Structures are given as C-alpha cells and as structure tokens.
Amino acid sequence: MPLYDYQCQQCKSGFTELRRTSEMDSPISCPECCSMDTRRSISCFSVGGTTSGMPAASGTSKSQFR
C-alpha cells in the first residue's frame, strides 16, 4: 500500500497515511483536530536500485548530494 500526503483545511496541518489506492480520495479525518475537511496533496517518491547500463553507486562518488 502506498503512502499519501493530506492537508487539513480546518487546522492546516499536514499528515501522511498508508492507504489502499482505491481509498486515496476517500474521506479521512485529521489526526490533529478530527476534521473530515481534508484534501490529498501532491507528494514525492523515490526509486532505488540500478538500471542496466548505469554505474552502480559506490563510496567514491564526488556528488554534492550524498
């Protein structure tokens, strides 16, 4: 099951929930104020691993993002 990010329209707090894809837009209550006035927001994701033809990550990288 994927994680989805939500924003409460009442108290403006953000929260993340583990839900089935079929439930992603179903009503969900805010854990802070219990309001049902919540909206799913755009979230980020990450994919790990290597791709054929791409070099594998190693400890010798000079990348500023490590």
C-alpha atoms as a PDB file:
ATOM      1  CA  MET A   1       0.000   0.000   0.000  1.00  0.00           C
ATOM      2  CA  PRO A   2       1.313   3.457  -0.848  1.00  0.00           C
ATOM      3  CA  LEU A   3       1.699   6.442   1.450  1.00  0.00           C
ATOM      4  CA  TYR A   4      -0.419   9.514   0.702  1.00  0.00           C
ATOM      5  CA  ASP A   5       0.002  13.075   1.989  1.00  0.00           C
ATOM      6  CA  TYR A   6      -3.038  15.027   3.156  1.00  0.00           C
ATOM      7  CA  GLN A   7      -3.688  18.630   4.210  1.00  0.00           C
ATOM      8  CA  CYS A   8      -6.388  19.581   6.719  1.00  0.00           C
ATOM      9  CA  GLN A   9      -8.451  22.538   5.513  1.00  0.00           C
ATOM     10  CA  GLN A  10      -9.565  23.326   9.079  1.00  0.00           C
ATOM     11  CA  CYS A  11      -6.288  23.483  11.077  1.00  0.00           C
ATOM     12  CA  LYS A  12      -3.862  23.494   8.081  1.00  0.00           C
ATOM     13  CA  SER A  13      -1.787  20.597   9.456  1.00  0.00           C
ATOM     14  CA  GLY A  14      -0.290  18.048   7.077  1.00  0.00           C
ATOM     15  CA  PHE A  15      -0.186  14.301   7.654  1.00  0.00           C
ATOM     16  CA  THR A  16       0.724  11.076   5.857  1.00  0.00           C
ATOM     17  CA  GLU A  17      -1.365   7.908   5.751  1.00  0.00           C
ATOM     18  CA  LEU A  18      -0.781   4.388   4.447  1.00  0.00           C
ATOM     19  CA  ARG A  19      -3.897   3.600   2.359  1.00  0.00           C
ATOM     20  CA  ARG A  20      -5.068   1.417  -0.491  1.00  0.00           C
ATOM     21  CA  THR A  21      -5.018   3.099  -3.897  1.00  0.00           C
ATOM     22  CA  SER A  22      -8.791   2.653  -4.134  1.00  0.00           C
ATOM     23  CA  GLU A  23      -9.173   4.667  -0.881  1.00  0.00           C
ATOM     24  CA  MET A  24      -6.756   7.504  -1.684  1.00  0.00           C
ATOM     25  CA  ASP A  25      -9.519  10.107  -2.191  1.00  0.00           C
ATOM     26  CA  SER A  26     -11.981   8.708   0.362  1.00  0.00           C
ATOM     27  CA  PRO A  27     -12.720  10.949   3.359  1.00  0.00           C
ATOM     28  CA  ILE A  28     -10.157  10.746   6.153  1.00  0.00           C
ATOM     29  CA  SER A  29     -10.083  12.580   9.468  1.00  0.00           C
ATOM     30  CA  CYS A  30      -7.274  14.888  10.540  1.00  0.00           C
ATOM     31  CA  PRO A  31      -5.255  13.393  13.428  1.00  0.00           C
ATOM     32  CA  GLU A  32      -4.831  16.885  14.972  1.00  0.00           C
ATOM     33  CA  CYS A  33      -8.370  18.308  15.017  1.00  0.00           C
ATOM     34  CA  CYS A  34     -10.500  15.322  13.816  1.00  0.00           C
ATOM     35  CA  SER A  35     -11.966  17.386  10.963  1.00  0.00           C
ATOM     36  CA  MET A  36     -13.110  15.474   7.892  1.00  0.00           C
ATOM     37  CA  ASP A  37     -12.351  18.513   5.696  1.00  0.00           C
ATOM     38  CA  THR A  38      -9.070  17.125   4.334  1.00  0.00           C
ATOM     39  CA  ARG A  39      -7.566  17.034   0.855  1.00  0.00           C
ATOM     40  CA  ARG A  40      -4.934  14.771  -0.664  1.00  0.00           C
ATOM     41  CA  SER A  41      -1.845  16.791  -1.584  1.00  0.00           C
ATOM     42  CA  ILE A  42       0.973  16.214  -4.035  1.00  0.00           C
ATOM     43  CA  SER A  43       3.710  14.056  -2.582  1.00  0.00           C
ATOM     44  CA  CYS A  44       7.187  12.963  -3.649  1.00  0.00           C
ATOM     45  CA  PHE A  45       8.513   9.491  -4.153  1.00  0.00           C
ATOM     46  CA  SER A  46      11.881   7.861  -4.585  1.00  0.00           C
ATOM     47  CA  VAL A  47      13.007   4.830  -6.531  1.00  0.00           C
ATOM     48  CA  GLY A  48      16.169   2.965  -5.594  1.00  0.00           C
ATOM     49  CA  GLY A  49      18.309   0.440  -7.382  1.00  0.00           C
ATOM     50  CA  THR A  50      20.422   0.398 -10.506  1.00  0.00           C
ATOM     51  CA  THR A  51      19.479   0.380 -14.158  1.00  0.00           C
ATOM     52  CA  SER A  52      21.180  -1.714 -16.788  1.00  0.00           C
ATOM     53  CA  GLY A  53      23.967   0.336 -18.335  1.00  0.00           C
ATOM     54  CA  MET A  54      24.113   2.784 -15.433  1.00  0.00           C
ATOM     55  CA  PRO A  55      27.020   2.703 -12.997  1.00  0.00           C
ATOM     56  CA  ALA A  56      26.249   1.393  -9.526  1.00  0.00           C
ATOM     57  CA  ALA A  57      26.567   3.778  -6.580  1.00  0.00           C
ATOM     58  CA  SER A  58      29.866   3.489  -4.755  1.00  0.00           C
ATOM     59  CA  GLY A  59      31.643   5.223  -1.912  1.00  0.00           C
ATOM     60  CA  THR A  60      33.963   7.073  -4.326  1.00  0.00           C
ATOM     61  CA  SER A  61      31.319   9.449  -5.667  1.00  0.00           C
ATOM     62  CA  LYS A  62      32.122  13.173  -5.504  1.00  0.00           C
ATOM     63  CA  SER A  63      28.435  14.139  -5.773  1.00  0.00           C
ATOM     64  CA  GLN A  64      27.255  17.019  -3.603  1.00  0.00           C
ATOM     65  CA  PHE A  65      24.004  15.078  -2.971  1.00  0.00           C
ATOM     66  CA  ARG A  66      25.492  12.240  -0.910  1.00  0.00           C
END
